[in-house]
């Protein structure tokens, strides 16, 4: 299947394989689990979000030296460490998630942000490093002050509430994220250079808007 296209059967396989819980909200992070990724900050922020919105899961995708420590230190049935996954499976994990949370301050580009956007996944990133250049602040996610715990908790809660209470606006952000990935940053070109795989026609169809919030004007 082309990257970014829904595959419900594969999603079920991944849920079973990794023990991904069915929750109202799903946060996601992906990358190398190293100290440079600001992962304790991520876990602290998500921990507070999950305390306030208990029906929330966090997917931590990738391998690295910090994985086992984080797993032990932040043990919670709602936090799933998947380990390394293949490219097609990664796309399906983006697609079952509601928000990408990426507080790293050391990334020069942020390929995972672009990949998530290509799957219609809004992102929260810091104002330090390359990922802030991918996210269109307020349109495809938010650029937040690095290491500002309260700002990150507030923004994460705000995005989850938007998804649940103003689905039309949330879906517009998802659609704009897909457009962003296919536009300014030449997703096809980047992907071709990195993987040698060309995008197939229709791979980046926007998610259908299932719920329109009544009485809310959404900018085109």
N, C-alpha and C. Protein backbone atom coordinates (compact mmCIF):
# COMPACT_ATOMS: atom_id res chain seq x y z
N UNK A 1 0.84 -1.19 0.00
CA UNK A 1 0.00 0.00 0.00
C UNK A 1 0.88 1.25 0.00
N UNK A 2 0.38 2.30 -0.61
CA UNK A 2 1.14 3.53 -0.67
C UNK A 2 1.20 4.19 0.70
N UNK A 3 2.30 4.90 0.95
CA UNK A 3 2.49 5.57 2.24
C UNK A 3 1.39 6.59 2.47
N UNK A 4 0.75 6.52 3.63
CA UNK A 4 -0.28 7.50 3.96
C UNK A 4 -1.69 7.04 3.65
N UNK A 5 -1.85 5.84 3.11
CA UNK A 5 -3.20 5.34 2.81
C UNK A 5 -3.67 4.41 3.93
N UNK A 6 -4.88 4.61 4.37
CA UNK A 6 -5.45 3.82 5.46
C UNK A 6 -5.47 2.34 5.09
N UNK A 7 -5.07 1.50 6.04
CA UNK A 7 -5.13 0.06 5.89
C UNK A 7 -5.66 -0.51 7.21
N UNK A 8 -7.00 -0.52 7.38
CA UNK A 8 -7.60 -0.94 8.65
C UNK A 8 -7.16 -2.33 9.12
N UNK A 9 -6.99 -3.26 8.19
CA UNK A 9 -6.58 -4.61 8.58
C UNK A 9 -5.18 -4.59 9.18
N UNK A 10 -4.28 -3.83 8.55
CA UNK A 10 -2.92 -3.73 9.08
C UNK A 10 -2.92 -3.04 10.44
N UNK A 11 -3.78 -2.05 10.60
CA UNK A 11 -3.88 -1.34 11.88
C UNK A 11 -4.29 -2.29 12.99
N UNK A 12 -5.21 -3.22 12.69
CA UNK A 12 -5.63 -4.21 13.68
C UNK A 12 -4.48 -5.14 14.05
N UNK A 13 -3.71 -5.55 13.05
CA UNK A 13 -2.54 -6.41 13.30
C UNK A 13 -1.57 -5.70 14.24
N UNK A 14 -1.32 -4.41 13.98
CA UNK A 14 -0.38 -3.65 14.79
C UNK A 14 -0.90 -3.45 16.21
N UNK A 15 -2.20 -3.20 16.34
CA UNK A 15 -2.79 -3.05 17.68
C UNK A 15 -2.56 -4.33 18.50
N UNK A 16 -2.80 -5.47 17.86
CA UNK A 16 -2.65 -6.75 18.56
C UNK A 16 -1.19 -7.03 18.88
N UNK A 17 -0.31 -6.83 17.89
CA UNK A 17 1.12 -7.15 18.05
C UNK A 17 1.75 -6.33 19.18
N UNK A 18 1.44 -5.03 19.21
CA UNK A 18 2.11 -4.15 20.16
C UNK A 18 1.28 -3.85 21.41
N UNK A 19 0.08 -4.42 21.48
CA UNK A 19 -0.77 -4.17 22.64
C UNK A 19 -1.22 -2.72 22.73
N UNK A 20 -1.54 -2.14 21.59
CA UNK A 20 -1.97 -0.74 21.57
C UNK A 20 -3.41 -0.64 22.07
N UNK A 21 -3.63 0.08 23.16
CA UNK A 21 -4.98 0.14 23.73
C UNK A 21 -5.91 1.02 22.89
N UNK A 22 -7.18 0.70 22.93
CA UNK A 22 -8.17 1.54 22.26
C UNK A 22 -8.58 2.64 23.23
N UNK A 23 -8.15 3.82 22.93
CA UNK A 23 -8.45 4.96 23.80
C UNK A 23 -9.09 6.07 22.98
N UNK A 24 -9.73 6.98 23.67
CA UNK A 24 -10.37 8.11 23.00
C UNK A 24 -9.34 8.97 22.28
N UNK A 25 -8.17 9.13 22.91
CA UNK A 25 -7.10 9.96 22.35
C UNK A 25 -5.82 9.15 22.23
N UNK A 26 -5.07 9.37 21.14
CA UNK A 26 -3.78 8.71 20.98
C UNK A 26 -2.72 9.73 20.58
N UNK A 27 -1.70 9.87 21.43
CA UNK A 27 -0.55 10.72 21.15
C UNK A 27 0.55 9.83 20.57
N UNK A 28 1.46 10.43 19.79
CA UNK A 28 2.52 9.64 19.19
C UNK A 28 3.83 10.42 19.17
N UNK A 29 4.90 9.68 19.36
CA UNK A 29 6.28 10.18 19.16
C UNK A 29 7.02 9.10 18.39
N UNK A 30 7.95 9.50 17.51
CA UNK A 30 8.76 8.52 16.78
C UNK A 30 10.17 9.06 16.61
N UNK A 31 11.14 8.15 16.61
CA UNK A 31 12.53 8.56 16.43
C UNK A 31 13.48 7.63 17.16
N UNK A 32 14.70 8.09 17.32
CA UNK A 32 15.70 7.34 18.07
C UNK A 32 15.58 7.68 19.55
N UNK A 33 15.44 6.67 20.38
CA UNK A 33 15.27 6.91 21.80
C UNK A 33 16.62 7.16 22.46
N UNK A 34 17.12 8.40 22.27
CA UNK A 34 18.40 8.80 22.85
C UNK A 34 18.20 10.00 23.76
N UNK A 35 19.20 10.27 24.61
CA UNK A 35 19.09 11.37 25.57
C UNK A 35 18.88 12.71 24.89
N UNK A 36 19.39 12.85 23.67
CA UNK A 36 19.31 14.13 22.96
C UNK A 36 17.88 14.47 22.52
N UNK A 37 16.95 13.52 22.67
CA UNK A 37 15.59 13.73 22.16
C UNK A 37 14.63 14.36 23.17
N UNK A 38 15.12 14.68 24.37
CA UNK A 38 14.27 15.36 25.37
C UNK A 38 13.08 14.48 25.77
N UNK A 39 13.34 13.19 25.95
CA UNK A 39 12.26 12.24 26.18
C UNK A 39 11.68 12.30 27.59
N UNK A 40 12.47 12.67 28.58
CA UNK A 40 11.90 12.80 29.92
C UNK A 40 10.88 13.95 29.96
N UNK A 41 11.18 15.01 29.22
CA UNK A 41 10.23 16.12 29.10
C UNK A 41 8.95 15.63 28.43
N UNK A 42 9.11 14.85 27.35
CA UNK A 42 7.94 14.28 26.66
C UNK A 42 7.09 13.47 27.63
N UNK A 43 7.74 12.61 28.42
CA UNK A 43 6.99 11.73 29.32
C UNK A 43 6.32 12.52 30.44
N UNK A 44 6.98 13.56 30.92
CA UNK A 44 6.37 14.40 31.96
C UNK A 44 5.14 15.12 31.44
N UNK A 45 5.26 15.67 30.24
CA UNK A 45 4.12 16.38 29.64
C UNK A 45 2.97 15.42 29.39
N UNK A 46 3.27 14.29 28.76
CA UNK A 46 2.21 13.33 28.45
C UNK A 46 1.61 12.73 29.71
N UNK A 47 2.45 12.57 30.75
CA UNK A 47 1.93 12.06 32.02
C UNK A 47 0.89 12.99 32.61
N UNK A 48 1.15 14.30 32.54
CA UNK A 48 0.17 15.25 33.07
C UNK A 48 -1.09 15.28 32.20
N UNK A 49 -0.89 15.21 30.88
CA UNK A 49 -2.04 15.17 29.97
C UNK A 49 -2.91 13.95 30.27
N UNK A 50 -2.27 12.81 30.48
CA UNK A 50 -3.00 11.57 30.75
C UNK A 50 -3.68 11.58 32.12
N UNK A 51 -3.12 12.36 33.04
CA UNK A 51 -3.76 12.51 34.34
C UNK A 51 -5.06 13.32 34.20
N UNK A 52 -5.03 14.31 33.31
CA UNK A 52 -6.21 15.15 33.10
C UNK A 52 -7.20 14.55 32.10
N UNK A 53 -6.69 13.75 31.16
CA UNK A 53 -7.53 13.07 30.17
C UNK A 53 -7.15 11.59 30.21
N UNK A 54 -7.69 10.86 31.20
CA UNK A 54 -7.25 9.46 31.43
C UNK A 54 -7.44 8.54 30.22
N UNK A 55 -8.38 8.85 29.36
CA UNK A 55 -8.64 8.00 28.21
C UNK A 55 -7.72 8.35 27.04
N UNK A 56 -6.42 8.42 27.34
CA UNK A 56 -5.40 8.82 26.36
C UNK A 56 -4.26 7.81 26.38
N UNK A 57 -3.79 7.44 25.19
CA UNK A 57 -2.65 6.54 25.06
C UNK A 57 -1.49 7.30 24.41
N UNK A 58 -0.27 6.79 24.62
CA UNK A 58 0.92 7.36 24.00
C UNK A 58 1.69 6.24 23.30
N UNK A 59 1.95 6.42 22.01
CA UNK A 59 2.79 5.48 21.25
C UNK A 59 4.19 6.06 21.14
N UNK A 60 5.18 5.30 21.58
CA UNK A 60 6.58 5.69 21.47
C UNK A 60 7.22 4.72 20.49
N UNK A 61 7.52 5.20 19.29
CA UNK A 61 7.95 4.33 18.19
C UNK A 61 9.43 4.52 17.90
N UNK A 62 10.18 3.43 17.94
CA UNK A 62 11.60 3.52 17.64
C UNK A 62 12.44 2.75 18.65
N UNK A 63 13.73 2.66 18.34
CA UNK A 63 14.68 2.00 19.22
C UNK A 63 15.72 3.00 19.70
N UNK A 64 16.47 2.62 20.72
CA UNK A 64 17.54 3.48 21.20
C UNK A 64 17.92 3.14 22.61
N UNK A 65 19.04 3.69 23.08
CA UNK A 65 19.59 3.33 24.39
C UNK A 65 18.70 3.69 25.58
N UNK A 66 17.76 4.62 25.38
CA UNK A 66 16.92 5.05 26.50
C UNK A 66 15.63 4.24 26.63
N UNK A 67 15.39 3.34 25.69
CA UNK A 67 14.09 2.66 25.66
C UNK A 67 13.76 1.92 26.96
N UNK A 68 14.67 1.06 27.41
CA UNK A 68 14.37 0.24 28.58
C UNK A 68 14.22 1.09 29.84
N UNK A 69 15.08 2.09 30.00
CA UNK A 69 14.95 2.95 31.18
C UNK A 69 13.60 3.65 31.19
N UNK A 70 13.22 4.21 30.05
CA UNK A 70 11.94 4.93 29.97
C UNK A 70 10.77 3.99 30.24
N UNK A 71 10.87 2.77 29.70
CA UNK A 71 9.80 1.79 29.90
C UNK A 71 9.60 1.47 31.38
N UNK A 72 10.70 1.36 32.09
CA UNK A 72 10.62 1.02 33.51
C UNK A 72 10.18 2.23 34.34
N UNK A 73 10.76 3.38 34.02
CA UNK A 73 10.52 4.58 34.82
C UNK A 73 9.10 5.12 34.65
N UNK A 74 8.54 4.96 33.45
CA UNK A 74 7.21 5.52 33.16
C UNK A 74 6.22 4.41 32.83
N UNK A 75 6.32 3.30 33.57
CA UNK A 75 5.46 2.15 33.31
C UNK A 75 3.98 2.53 33.45
N UNK A 76 3.23 2.31 32.39
CA UNK A 76 1.80 2.63 32.36
C UNK A 76 1.21 1.84 31.20
N UNK A 77 0.09 1.16 31.43
CA UNK A 77 -0.49 0.33 30.37
C UNK A 77 -0.92 1.16 29.15
N UNK A 78 -1.06 2.47 29.35
CA UNK A 78 -1.47 3.34 28.24
C UNK A 78 -0.28 3.81 27.41
N UNK A 79 0.95 3.56 27.88
CA UNK A 79 2.15 3.97 27.15
C UNK A 79 2.75 2.74 26.48
N UNK A 80 2.82 2.76 25.16
CA UNK A 80 3.28 1.60 24.39
C UNK A 80 4.59 1.93 23.68
N UNK A 81 5.62 1.13 23.96
CA UNK A 81 6.90 1.23 23.27
C UNK A 81 6.92 0.15 22.19
N UNK A 82 6.80 0.55 20.94
CA UNK A 82 6.66 -0.43 19.86
C UNK A 82 7.98 -1.01 19.39
N UNK A 83 9.09 -0.31 19.69
CA UNK A 83 10.35 -0.70 19.07
C UNK A 83 10.37 -0.21 17.63
N UNK A 84 11.34 -0.68 16.87
CA UNK A 84 11.45 -0.27 15.47
C UNK A 84 10.34 -0.91 14.65
N UNK A 85 9.76 -0.15 13.74
CA UNK A 85 8.73 -0.70 12.85
C UNK A 85 9.10 -0.37 11.40
N UNK A 86 8.57 -1.13 10.47
CA UNK A 86 8.81 -0.89 9.06
C UNK A 86 8.10 0.36 8.59
N UNK A 87 8.46 0.82 7.41
CA UNK A 87 7.94 2.09 6.91
C UNK A 87 6.42 2.06 6.72
N UNK A 88 5.90 0.97 6.16
CA UNK A 88 4.46 0.89 5.95
C UNK A 88 3.71 0.85 7.28
N UNK A 89 4.27 0.12 8.25
CA UNK A 89 3.63 0.06 9.56
C UNK A 89 3.70 1.41 10.27
N UNK A 90 4.80 2.13 10.07
CA UNK A 90 4.93 3.46 10.65
C UNK A 90 3.79 4.36 10.15
N UNK A 91 3.50 4.28 8.86
CA UNK A 91 2.42 5.09 8.30
C UNK A 91 1.10 4.77 8.98
N UNK A 92 0.84 3.49 9.23
CA UNK A 92 -0.44 3.12 9.87
C UNK A 92 -0.50 3.60 11.32
N UNK A 93 0.65 3.68 11.99
CA UNK A 93 0.66 4.20 13.36
C UNK A 93 0.39 5.71 13.36
N UNK A 94 0.95 6.42 12.37
CA UNK A 94 0.60 7.84 12.24
C UNK A 94 -0.91 7.98 12.06
N UNK A 95 -1.49 7.10 11.27
CA UNK A 95 -2.91 7.21 10.90
C UNK A 95 -3.85 6.87 12.06
N UNK A 96 -3.41 6.06 13.01
CA UNK A 96 -4.28 5.76 14.16
C UNK A 96 -4.07 6.76 15.30
N UNK A 97 -3.12 7.68 15.12
CA UNK A 97 -2.83 8.67 16.16
C UNK A 97 -3.58 9.97 15.89
N UNK A 98 -3.71 10.78 16.94
CA UNK A 98 -4.42 12.05 16.85
C UNK A 98 -3.51 13.27 16.87
N UNK A 99 -2.31 13.10 17.45
CA UNK A 99 -1.39 14.24 17.58
C UNK A 99 0.03 13.73 17.74
N UNK A 100 0.96 14.34 17.00
CA UNK A 100 2.37 14.00 17.10
C UNK A 100 3.02 15.01 18.04
N UNK A 101 3.69 14.51 19.07
CA UNK A 101 4.28 15.36 20.10
C UNK A 101 5.80 15.18 20.05
N UNK A 102 6.52 16.24 19.66
CA UNK A 102 7.95 16.10 19.37
C UNK A 102 8.74 17.25 19.97
N UNK A 103 9.15 17.11 21.26
CA UNK A 103 9.81 18.23 21.96
C UNK A 103 11.32 18.29 21.80
N UNK A 104 11.88 17.60 20.81
CA UNK A 104 13.33 17.61 20.61
C UNK A 104 13.82 19.02 20.27
N UNK A 105 15.04 19.32 20.73
CA UNK A 105 15.67 20.62 20.40
C UNK A 105 16.96 20.41 19.61
N UNK A 106 17.20 19.16 19.16
CA UNK A 106 18.48 18.86 18.51
C UNK A 106 18.33 18.43 17.05
N UNK A 107 17.11 18.33 16.55
CA UNK A 107 16.91 17.87 15.18
C UNK A 107 17.10 19.01 14.18
N UNK A 108 17.85 18.72 13.13
CA UNK A 108 18.10 19.75 12.12
C UNK A 108 16.99 19.80 11.07
N UNK A 109 16.26 18.70 10.91
CA UNK A 109 15.15 18.71 9.94
C UNK A 109 13.87 18.20 10.57
N UNK A 110 13.80 16.93 10.87
CA UNK A 110 12.59 16.38 11.47
C UNK A 110 11.75 15.60 10.46
N UNK A 111 12.35 14.56 9.88
CA UNK A 111 11.65 13.76 8.88
C UNK A 111 10.35 13.17 9.41
N UNK A 112 10.35 12.81 10.70
CA UNK A 112 9.14 12.20 11.27
C UNK A 112 7.97 13.18 11.27
N UNK A 113 8.25 14.47 11.40
CA UNK A 113 7.19 15.48 11.34
C UNK A 113 6.58 15.50 9.94
N UNK A 114 7.45 15.47 8.93
CA UNK A 114 7.00 15.49 7.54
C UNK A 114 6.21 14.24 7.21
N UNK A 115 6.69 13.09 7.68
CA UNK A 115 5.97 11.83 7.46
C UNK A 115 4.59 11.87 8.11
N UNK A 116 4.56 12.36 9.36
CA UNK A 116 3.28 12.45 10.06
C UNK A 116 2.32 13.38 9.35
N UNK A 117 2.82 14.52 8.92
CA UNK A 117 1.99 15.46 8.16
C UNK A 117 1.45 14.80 6.90
N UNK A 118 2.27 14.01 6.23
CA UNK A 118 1.84 13.33 5.00
C UNK A 118 0.68 12.38 5.27
N UNK A 119 0.57 11.92 6.52
CA UNK A 119 -0.53 11.05 6.92
C UNK A 119 -1.66 11.84 7.59
N UNK A 120 -1.58 13.17 7.52
CA UNK A 120 -2.63 14.00 8.09
C UNK A 120 -2.55 14.15 9.59
N UNK A 121 -1.35 14.01 10.16
CA UNK A 121 -1.19 14.09 11.61
C UNK A 121 -0.60 15.44 12.03
N UNK A 122 -1.39 16.27 12.73
CA UNK A 122 -0.86 17.55 13.24
C UNK A 122 0.26 17.29 14.25
N UNK A 123 1.13 18.30 14.44
CA UNK A 123 2.29 18.10 15.32
C UNK A 123 2.54 19.30 16.22
N UNK A 124 3.07 19.00 17.40
CA UNK A 124 3.59 20.02 18.31
C UNK A 124 5.11 19.89 18.29
N UNK A 125 5.81 20.98 18.03
CA UNK A 125 7.28 20.97 17.97
C UNK A 125 7.82 22.17 18.74
N UNK A 126 9.14 22.15 18.99
CA UNK A 126 9.76 23.26 19.72
C UNK A 126 10.17 24.38 18.76
N UNK A 127 10.50 25.51 19.37
CA UNK A 127 10.98 26.66 18.58
C UNK A 127 12.50 26.64 18.42
N UNK A 128 13.09 25.44 18.58
CA UNK A 128 14.53 25.26 18.40
C UNK A 128 14.76 24.13 17.41
N UNK A 129 15.56 24.37 16.38
CA UNK A 129 15.88 23.33 15.41
C UNK A 129 14.99 23.35 14.18
N UNK A 130 15.10 22.31 13.37
CA UNK A 130 14.46 22.26 12.07
C UNK A 130 12.97 21.99 12.02
N UNK A 131 12.42 21.19 12.93
CA UNK A 131 10.99 20.86 12.83
C UNK A 131 10.06 22.06 12.79
N UNK A 132 10.45 23.17 13.42
CA UNK A 132 9.59 24.36 13.42
C UNK A 132 9.38 24.91 12.01
N UNK A 133 10.30 24.59 11.08
CA UNK A 133 10.16 25.06 9.72
C UNK A 133 9.17 24.23 8.92
N UNK A 134 8.85 23.04 9.42
CA UNK A 134 7.89 22.18 8.73
C UNK A 134 6.48 22.50 9.18
N UNK A 135 6.29 22.70 10.48
CA UNK A 135 4.95 22.97 11.01
C UNK A 135 4.54 24.40 10.69
N UNK A 136 3.36 24.55 10.13
CA UNK A 136 2.76 25.86 9.90
C UNK A 136 1.99 26.22 11.17
N UNK A 137 2.60 27.05 12.00
CA UNK A 137 2.10 27.33 13.35
C UNK A 137 0.64 27.79 13.33
N UNK A 138 -0.21 27.05 14.04
CA UNK A 138 -1.63 27.38 14.11
C UNK A 138 -2.45 26.78 12.98
N UNK A 139 -1.78 26.20 11.98
CA UNK A 139 -2.48 25.64 10.83
C UNK A 139 -2.32 24.12 10.73
N UNK A 140 -1.09 23.63 10.93
CA UNK A 140 -0.85 22.18 10.86
C UNK A 140 -0.33 21.65 12.20
N UNK A 141 -0.41 22.48 13.22
CA UNK A 141 0.10 22.15 14.54
C UNK A 141 0.55 23.42 15.23
N UNK A 142 1.43 23.29 16.21
CA UNK A 142 1.90 24.47 16.93
C UNK A 142 3.39 24.38 17.22
N UNK A 143 4.05 25.55 17.15
CA UNK A 143 5.46 25.68 17.52
C UNK A 143 5.49 26.27 18.93
N UNK A 144 6.07 25.53 19.86
CA UNK A 144 6.02 25.90 21.28
C UNK A 144 7.41 26.17 21.84
N UNK A 145 7.44 26.97 22.88
CA UNK A 145 8.70 27.27 23.55
C UNK A 145 9.30 25.99 24.10
N UNK A 146 10.57 25.76 23.78
CA UNK A 146 11.26 24.56 24.25
C UNK A 146 11.27 24.48 25.77
N UNK A 147 10.97 23.30 26.29
CA UNK A 147 11.04 23.02 27.73
C UNK A 147 10.06 23.83 28.58
N UNK A 148 9.05 24.44 27.96
CA UNK A 148 8.01 25.13 28.72
C UNK A 148 6.90 24.12 29.00
N UNK A 149 7.00 23.48 30.16
CA UNK A 149 6.10 22.37 30.50
C UNK A 149 4.63 22.77 30.39
N UNK A 150 4.28 23.88 31.00
CA UNK A 150 2.87 24.30 31.01
C UNK A 150 2.34 24.57 29.61
N UNK A 151 3.18 25.18 28.77
CA UNK A 151 2.75 25.47 27.40
C UNK A 151 2.49 24.19 26.63
N UNK A 152 3.33 23.18 26.83
CA UNK A 152 3.17 21.92 26.13
C UNK A 152 1.94 21.16 26.61
N UNK A 153 1.72 21.16 27.92
CA UNK A 153 0.52 20.49 28.46
C UNK A 153 -0.74 21.18 27.93
N UNK A 154 -0.74 22.50 27.99
CA UNK A 154 -1.91 23.27 27.53
C UNK A 154 -2.20 23.03 26.06
N UNK A 155 -1.15 23.04 25.24
CA UNK A 155 -1.33 22.85 23.80
C UNK A 155 -1.80 21.43 23.48
N UNK A 156 -1.25 20.46 24.19
CA UNK A 156 -1.66 19.07 23.95
C UNK A 156 -3.12 18.86 24.32
N UNK A 157 -3.50 19.35 25.50
CA UNK A 157 -4.90 19.24 25.93
C UNK A 157 -5.82 19.97 24.95
N UNK A 158 -5.36 21.14 24.50
CA UNK A 158 -6.16 21.94 23.57
C UNK A 158 -6.40 21.21 22.26
N UNK A 159 -5.37 20.53 21.74
CA UNK A 159 -5.53 19.80 20.49
C UNK A 159 -6.45 18.59 20.66
N UNK A 160 -6.35 17.90 21.78
CA UNK A 160 -7.23 16.76 22.01
C UNK A 160 -8.68 17.23 22.16
N UNK A 161 -8.87 18.34 22.85
CA UNK A 161 -10.23 18.88 23.01
C UNK A 161 -10.77 19.35 21.66
N UNK A 162 -9.90 19.91 20.81
CA UNK A 162 -10.33 20.33 19.48
C UNK A 162 -10.82 19.12 18.69
N UNK A 163 -10.07 18.04 18.75
CA UNK A 163 -10.46 16.83 18.01
C UNK A 163 -11.82 16.31 18.48
N UNK A 164 -12.05 16.37 19.79
CA UNK A 164 -13.27 15.80 20.35
C UNK A 164 -14.47 16.74 20.31
N UNK A 165 -14.21 18.05 20.34
CA UNK A 165 -15.30 19.02 20.46
C UNK A 165 -15.53 19.86 19.22
N UNK A 166 -14.56 19.92 18.32
CA UNK A 166 -14.67 20.75 17.11
C UNK A 166 -14.01 19.98 15.96
N UNK A 167 -14.60 18.83 15.64
CA UNK A 167 -13.98 17.91 14.71
C UNK A 167 -13.76 18.53 13.33
N UNK A 168 -14.65 19.40 12.92
CA UNK A 168 -14.50 20.02 11.61
C UNK A 168 -13.20 20.81 11.52
N UNK A 169 -12.88 21.58 12.55
CA UNK A 169 -11.66 22.37 12.56
C UNK A 169 -10.43 21.47 12.67
N UNK A 170 -10.54 20.43 13.49
CA UNK A 170 -9.43 19.48 13.62
C UNK A 170 -9.14 18.81 12.28
N UNK A 171 -10.19 18.37 11.59
CA UNK A 171 -10.00 17.71 10.29
C UNK A 171 -9.39 18.67 9.26
N UNK A 172 -9.71 19.95 9.39
CA UNK A 172 -9.10 20.94 8.50
C UNK A 172 -7.59 21.02 8.74
N UNK A 173 -7.18 20.96 10.01
CA UNK A 173 -5.75 20.95 10.33
C UNK A 173 -5.08 19.71 9.74
N UNK A 174 -5.75 18.56 9.83
CA UNK A 174 -5.20 17.32 9.26
C UNK A 174 -5.02 17.46 7.76
N UNK A 175 -6.01 18.04 7.10
CA UNK A 175 -5.95 18.22 5.65
C UNK A 175 -4.83 19.18 5.26
N UNK A 176 -4.68 20.25 6.04
CA UNK A 176 -3.62 21.22 5.77
C UNK A 176 -2.24 20.60 6.00
N UNK A 177 -2.15 19.68 6.96
CA UNK A 177 -0.87 18.99 7.21
C UNK A 177 -0.48 18.17 5.99
N UNK A 178 -1.44 17.46 5.42
CA UNK A 178 -1.16 16.66 4.21
C UNK A 178 -0.71 17.57 3.07
N UNK A 179 -1.41 18.68 2.91
CA UNK A 179 -1.05 19.61 1.84
C UNK A 179 0.35 20.17 2.06
N UNK A 180 0.66 20.49 3.30
CA UNK A 180 1.97 21.03 3.65
C UNK A 180 3.08 20.03 3.29
N UNK A 181 2.85 18.78 3.60
CA UNK A 181 3.85 17.75 3.33
C UNK A 181 4.07 17.57 1.83
N UNK A 182 3.03 17.79 1.06
CA UNK A 182 3.15 17.61 -0.37
C UNK A 182 3.59 18.84 -1.11
N UNK A 183 3.67 19.97 -0.38
CA UNK A 183 3.96 21.25 -1.03
C UNK A 183 5.34 21.78 -0.77
N UNK A 184 5.44 22.70 0.18
CA UNK A 184 6.67 23.46 0.41
C UNK A 184 7.91 22.59 0.54
N UNK A 185 7.75 21.44 1.16
CA UNK A 185 8.94 20.64 1.47
C UNK A 185 9.18 19.51 0.48
N UNK A 186 8.43 19.52 -0.64
CA UNK A 186 8.69 18.54 -1.70
C UNK A 186 8.78 17.12 -1.18
N UNK A 187 7.72 16.71 -0.48
CA UNK A 187 7.68 15.38 0.13
C UNK A 187 8.10 14.29 -0.85
N UNK A 188 7.57 14.34 -2.06
CA UNK A 188 7.88 13.30 -3.03
C UNK A 188 9.40 13.26 -3.29
N UNK A 189 9.99 14.42 -3.46
CA UNK A 189 11.42 14.49 -3.76
C UNK A 189 12.25 13.98 -2.58
N UNK A 190 11.89 14.42 -1.37
CA UNK A 190 12.62 13.99 -0.18
C UNK A 190 12.51 12.47 -0.02
N UNK A 191 11.32 11.96 -0.20
CA UNK A 191 11.08 10.53 -0.04
C UNK A 191 11.85 9.74 -1.09
N UNK A 192 11.83 10.23 -2.34
CA UNK A 192 12.57 9.56 -3.40
C UNK A 192 14.06 9.47 -3.07
N UNK A 193 14.61 10.58 -2.56
CA UNK A 193 16.03 10.63 -2.26
C UNK A 193 16.39 9.70 -1.10
N UNK A 194 15.49 9.62 -0.11
CA UNK A 194 15.80 8.84 1.09
C UNK A 194 15.53 7.35 0.92
N UNK A 195 14.51 7.01 0.14
CA UNK A 195 14.11 5.60 0.09
C UNK A 195 14.09 5.01 -1.31
N UNK A 196 14.14 5.88 -2.33
CA UNK A 196 14.04 5.39 -3.69
C UNK A 196 12.63 4.95 -4.05
N UNK A 197 11.66 5.34 -3.22
CA UNK A 197 10.26 4.96 -3.46
C UNK A 197 9.49 6.18 -3.93
N UNK A 198 8.83 6.06 -5.06
CA UNK A 198 8.02 7.16 -5.57
C UNK A 198 6.61 7.10 -4.99
N UNK A 199 6.03 8.26 -4.79
CA UNK A 199 4.65 8.33 -4.30
C UNK A 199 3.70 7.86 -5.40
N UNK A 200 2.73 7.07 -5.01
CA UNK A 200 1.71 6.64 -5.94
C UNK A 200 0.57 7.65 -5.95
N UNK A 201 -0.11 7.75 -7.09
CA UNK A 201 -1.25 8.66 -7.17
C UNK A 201 -2.27 8.29 -6.11
N UNK A 202 -2.78 9.29 -5.44
CA UNK A 202 -3.83 9.05 -4.45
C UNK A 202 -3.31 8.64 -3.09
N UNK A 203 -1.99 8.58 -2.92
CA UNK A 203 -1.44 8.12 -1.64
C UNK A 203 -1.73 9.09 -0.51
N UNK A 204 -1.96 10.33 -0.88
CA UNK A 204 -2.12 11.35 0.15
C UNK A 204 -3.51 11.96 0.13
N UNK A 205 -4.52 11.11 -0.05
CA UNK A 205 -5.89 11.59 -0.02
C UNK A 205 -6.19 12.12 1.38
N UNK A 206 -6.86 13.25 1.44
CA UNK A 206 -7.19 13.82 2.74
C UNK A 206 -8.18 12.93 3.47
N UNK A 207 -8.05 12.88 4.80
CA UNK A 207 -9.03 12.16 5.59
C UNK A 207 -10.41 12.75 5.34
N UNK A 208 -11.41 11.88 5.26
CA UNK A 208 -12.76 12.40 5.10
C UNK A 208 -13.18 13.05 6.40
N UNK A 209 -13.88 14.16 6.27
CA UNK A 209 -14.40 14.83 7.46
C UNK A 209 -15.65 14.09 7.90
N UNK A 210 -15.54 13.40 9.04
CA UNK A 210 -16.66 12.60 9.51
C UNK A 210 -17.69 13.45 10.26
N UNK A 211 -17.21 14.47 10.96
CA UNK A 211 -18.11 15.29 11.76
C UNK A 211 -17.82 16.76 11.48
N UNK A 212 -18.82 17.51 11.16
CA UNK A 212 -18.66 18.94 10.98
C UNK A 212 -19.24 19.66 12.19
N UNK A 213 -18.44 20.49 12.83
CA UNK A 213 -18.95 21.23 13.99
C UNK A 213 -19.94 22.29 13.49
N UNK A 214 -21.16 22.27 13.97
CA UNK A 214 -22.16 23.23 13.52
C UNK A 214 -21.82 24.63 13.95
N UNK A 215 -22.03 25.58 13.05
CA UNK A 215 -21.89 26.98 13.41
C UNK A 215 -20.45 27.46 13.54
N UNK A 216 -19.49 26.65 13.11
CA UNK A 216 -18.08 27.06 13.23
C UNK A 216 -17.54 27.35 11.83
N UNK A 217 -17.05 28.55 11.64
CA UNK A 217 -16.48 28.93 10.36
C UNK A 217 -15.05 28.44 10.28
N UNK A 218 -14.73 27.69 9.25
CA UNK A 218 -13.39 27.16 9.07
C UNK A 218 -12.78 27.76 7.83
N UNK A 219 -11.63 28.36 7.97
CA UNK A 219 -10.95 28.97 6.82
C UNK A 219 -10.62 27.89 5.80
N UNK A 220 -10.81 28.16 4.53
CA UNK A 220 -10.51 27.16 3.50
C UNK A 220 -9.01 26.90 3.41
